Amino acid sequence: MTILPMMAVAIQAAPEGASPLYSIGMMVALFAIFYFLLIRPQQKRAKEHRSMVDAVKRGDRVVTGGGLIGKVAKVSGEEVQIDLGEGMRVTAIKSTLQDIQSKTAPRAANDAKAKAKKS
């Protein structure tokens, strides 16, 4: 549907004798809804991710955007070197890290039970 038929439908749907103030009010209300439901939560999530990435340190367990899991071996500027195990190391850009678990973070309760069953 092109813009002209959409405008025609919008004009027909408007109440008779609606003032320009009504139209401006509706646009402001629509913007407020978009701001509180879409824009603000996304900005909050981005700020939390930025602070999490800035706090990464050697020894933290991380998950990259590509799904690689490993421990941080070295932090330098905007890059981190991740030890994937058995001597394999990769270098990643800090902003690609999706999750960071501190080495002092407690393990989940179900992980302890799984290890006990394997033993």
C-alpha atoms as a PDB file:
ATOM      1  CA  MET A   1       0.000   0.000   0.000  1.00  0.00           C
ATOM      2  CA  THR A   2       1.448   3.366  -0.957  1.00  0.00           C
ATOM      3  CA  ILE A   3       1.454   6.448   1.233  1.00  0.00           C
ATOM      4  CA  LEU A   4      -1.370   8.282  -0.554  1.00  0.00           C
ATOM      5  CA  PRO A   5      -4.091   5.675   0.077  1.00  0.00           C
ATOM      6  CA  MET A   6      -2.866   5.411   3.678  1.00  0.00           C
ATOM      7  CA  MET A   7      -3.250   9.156   4.131  1.00  0.00           C
ATOM      8  CA  ALA A   8      -6.718   9.034   2.602  1.00  0.00           C
ATOM      9  CA  VAL A   9      -7.759   6.340   5.073  1.00  0.00           C
ATOM     10  CA  ALA A  10      -6.307   8.343   7.959  1.00  0.00           C
ATOM     11  CA  ILE A  11      -8.166  11.486   6.868  1.00  0.00           C
ATOM     12  CA  GLN A  12     -11.455   9.596   6.588  1.00  0.00           C
ATOM     13  CA  ALA A  13     -10.930   7.995  10.000  1.00  0.00           C
ATOM     14  CA  ALA A  14     -10.352  11.343  11.713  1.00  0.00           C
ATOM     15  CA  PRO A  15     -13.359  12.672  13.592  1.00  0.00           C
ATOM     16  CA  GLU A  16     -15.271  15.540  11.993  1.00  0.00           C
ATOM     17  CA  GLY A  17     -13.999  18.923  13.062  1.00  0.00           C
ATOM     18  CA  ALA A  18     -10.879  17.578  14.749  1.00  0.00           C
ATOM     19  CA  SER A  19      -8.469  20.312  15.642  1.00  0.00           C
ATOM     20  CA  PRO A  20      -4.770  20.247  14.769  1.00  0.00           C
ATOM     21  CA  LEU A  21      -4.139  20.072  18.507  1.00  0.00           C
ATOM     22  CA  TYR A  22      -5.821  16.645  18.545  1.00  0.00           C
ATOM     23  CA  SER A  23      -3.476  15.372  15.826  1.00  0.00           C
ATOM     24  CA  ILE A  24      -0.404  16.735  17.585  1.00  0.00           C
ATOM     25  CA  GLY A  25      -1.579  15.175  20.840  1.00  0.00           C
ATOM     26  CA  MET A  26      -1.971  11.778  19.189  1.00  0.00           C
ATOM     27  CA  MET A  27       1.550  11.991  17.704  1.00  0.00           C
ATOM     28  CA  VAL A  28       3.001  12.923  21.109  1.00  0.00           C
ATOM     29  CA  ALA A  29       1.137  10.028  22.750  1.00  0.00           C
ATOM     30  CA  LEU A  30       2.388   7.614  20.091  1.00  0.00           C
ATOM     31  CA  PHE A  31       5.963   8.821  20.538  1.00  0.00           C
ATOM     32  CA  ALA A  32       5.655   8.434  24.335  1.00  0.00           C
ATOM     33  CA  ILE A  33       4.441   4.854  23.929  1.00  0.00           C
ATOM     34  CA  PHE A  34       7.319   4.010  21.589  1.00  0.00           C
ATOM     35  CA  TYR A  35       9.811   5.663  23.928  1.00  0.00           C
ATOM     36  CA  PHE A  36       8.724   3.809  27.072  1.00  0.00           C
ATOM     37  CA  LEU A  37       8.106   0.436  25.410  1.00  0.00           C
ATOM     38  CA  LEU A  38      10.940   0.261  22.852  1.00  0.00           C
ATOM     39  CA  ILE A  39      13.635   2.932  23.062  1.00  0.00           C
ATOM     40  CA  ARG A  40      14.191   3.236  26.829  1.00  0.00           C
ATOM     41  CA  PRO A  41      14.513  -0.525  27.564  1.00  0.00           C
ATOM     42  CA  GLN A  42      16.971  -0.923  24.679  1.00  0.00           C
ATOM     43  CA  GLN A  43      19.124   1.947  25.960  1.00  0.00           C
ATOM     44  CA  LYS A  44      19.086   0.420  29.452  1.00  0.00           C
ATOM     45  CA  ARG A  45      20.164  -2.987  28.094  1.00  0.00           C
ATOM     46  CA  ALA A  46      22.969  -1.389  26.057  1.00  0.00           C
ATOM     47  CA  LYS A  47      24.209   0.531  29.105  1.00  0.00           C
ATOM     48  CA  GLU A  48      24.243  -2.649  31.233  1.00  0.00           C
ATOM     49  CA  HIS A  49      26.134  -4.542  28.516  1.00  0.00           C
ATOM     50  CA  ARG A  50      28.675  -1.734  28.181  1.00  0.00           C
ATOM     51  CA  SER A  51      29.351  -1.694  31.935  1.00  0.00           C
ATOM     52  CA  MET A  52      29.589  -5.508  32.002  1.00  0.00           C
ATOM     53  CA  VAL A  53      32.116  -5.516  29.156  1.00  0.00           C
ATOM     54  CA  ASP A  54      34.166  -2.726  30.741  1.00  0.00           C
ATOM     55  CA  ALA A  55      34.414  -4.761  33.959  1.00  0.00           C
ATOM     56  CA  VAL A  56      35.810  -7.930  32.315  1.00  0.00           C
ATOM     57  CA  LYS A  57      39.066  -9.104  33.893  1.00  0.00           C
ATOM     58  CA  ARG A  58      41.532 -11.965  33.646  1.00  0.00           C
ATOM     59  CA  GLY A  59      40.077 -15.261  34.842  1.00  0.00           C
ATOM     60  CA  ASP A  60      36.437 -14.451  34.072  1.00  0.00           C
ATOM     61  CA  ARG A  61      34.425 -17.089  32.237  1.00  0.00           C
ATOM     62  CA  VAL A  62      32.882 -15.573  29.092  1.00  0.00           C
ATOM     63  CA  VAL A  63      30.564 -16.489  26.239  1.00  0.00           C
ATOM     64  CA  THR A  64      31.126 -14.800  22.883  1.00  0.00           C
ATOM     65  CA  GLY A  65      28.501 -13.846  20.322  1.00  0.00           C
ATOM     66  CA  GLY A  66      29.546 -16.863  18.261  1.00  0.00           C
ATOM     67  CA  GLY A  67      28.880 -19.227  21.159  1.00  0.00           C
ATOM     68  CA  LEU A  68      32.484 -19.869  22.214  1.00  0.00           C
ATOM     69  CA  ILE A  69      32.934 -20.411  25.956  1.00  0.00           C
ATOM     70  CA  GLY A  70      36.248 -19.885  27.706  1.00  0.00           C
ATOM     71  CA  LYS A  71      38.267 -18.034  30.309  1.00  0.00           C
ATOM     72  CA  VAL A  72      39.807 -14.625  29.768  1.00  0.00           C
ATOM     73  CA  ALA A  73      43.597 -14.946  29.585  1.00  0.00           C
ATOM     74  CA  LYS A  74      44.483 -11.350  28.750  1.00  0.00           C
ATOM     75  CA  VAL A  75      42.671  -8.013  28.518  1.00  0.00           C
ATOM     76  CA  SER A  76      44.159  -5.262  26.379  1.00  0.00           C
ATOM     77  CA  GLY A  77      42.262  -2.183  25.241  1.00  0.00           C
ATOM     78  CA  GLU A  78      39.240  -3.246  23.220  1.00  0.00           C
ATOM     79  CA  GLU A  79      40.382  -6.862  22.836  1.00  0.00           C
ATOM     80  CA  VAL A  80      40.404  -9.914  25.082  1.00  0.00           C
ATOM     81  CA  GLN A  81      42.318 -13.134  24.642  1.00  0.00           C
ATOM     82  CA  ILE A  82      40.147 -16.122  25.532  1.00  0.00           C
ATOM     83  CA  ASP A  83      41.518 -19.527  26.515  1.00  0.00           C
ATOM     84  CA  LEU A  84      39.137 -22.141  25.096  1.00  0.00           C
ATOM     85  CA  GLY A  85      40.964 -25.076  26.680  1.00  0.00           C
ATOM     86  CA  GLU A  86      43.847 -27.389  25.785  1.00  0.00           C
ATOM     87  CA  GLY A  87      46.063 -24.425  24.887  1.00  0.00           C
ATOM     88  CA  MET A  88      43.720 -22.989  22.257  1.00  0.00           C
ATOM     89  CA  ARG A  89      43.428 -19.203  22.503  1.00  0.00           C
ATOM     90  CA  VAL A  90      41.443 -16.778  20.428  1.00  0.00           C
ATOM     91  CA  THR A  91      41.338 -13.001  20.388  1.00  0.00           C
ATOM     92  CA  ALA A  92      37.925 -11.330  20.446  1.00  0.00           C
ATOM     93  CA  ILE A  93      36.665  -7.782  20.558  1.00  0.00           C
ATOM     94  CA  LYS A  94      35.180  -6.934  23.956  1.00  0.00           C
ATOM     95  CA  SER A  95      31.844  -5.781  22.542  1.00  0.00           C
ATOM     96  CA  THR A  96      31.201  -9.263  21.079  1.00  0.00           C
ATOM     97  CA  LEU A  97      31.062 -10.812  24.548  1.00  0.00           C
ATOM     98  CA  GLN A  98      27.501 -11.831  25.357  1.00  0.00           C
ATOM     99  CA  ASP A  99      27.818 -13.081  28.933  1.00  0.00           C
ATOM    100  CA  ILE A 100      30.483 -12.705  31.584  1.00  0.00           C
ATOM    101  CA  GLN A 101      30.590 -14.842  34.701  1.00  0.00           C
ATOM    102  CA  SER A 102      33.041 -13.750  37.338  1.00  0.00           C
ATOM    103  CA  LYS A 103      35.407 -16.386  38.707  1.00  0.00           C
ATOM    104  CA  THR A 104      33.967 -15.654  42.159  1.00  0.00           C
ATOM    105  CA  ALA A 105      30.369 -16.177  41.031  1.00  0.00           C
ATOM    106  CA  PRO A 106      28.669 -19.130  42.723  1.00  0.00           C
ATOM    107  CA  ARG A 107      27.771 -22.159  40.629  1.00  0.00           C
ATOM    108  CA  ALA A 108      24.159 -23.055  39.992  1.00  0.00           C
ATOM    109  CA  ALA A 109      22.673 -25.652  42.325  1.00  0.00           C
ATOM    110  CA  ASN A 110      21.813 -28.068  39.508  1.00  0.00           C
ATOM    111  CA  ASP A 111      25.472 -28.165  38.327  1.00  0.00           C
ATOM    112  CA  ALA A 112      26.599 -29.653  41.648  1.00  0.00           C
ATOM    113  CA  LYS A 113      23.941 -32.385  41.408  1.00  0.00           C
ATOM    114  CA  ALA A 114      24.970 -33.267  37.830  1.00  0.00           C
ATOM    115  CA  LYS A 115      28.613 -33.713  38.865  1.00  0.00           C
ATOM    116  CA  ALA A 116      27.604 -35.897  41.810  1.00  0.00           C
ATOM    117  CA  LYS A 117      25.640 -38.235  39.502  1.00  0.00           C
ATOM    118  CA  LYS A 118      28.622 -38.605  37.130  1.00  0.00           C
ATOM    119  CA  SER A 119      30.980 -39.624  39.947  1.00  0.00           C
END
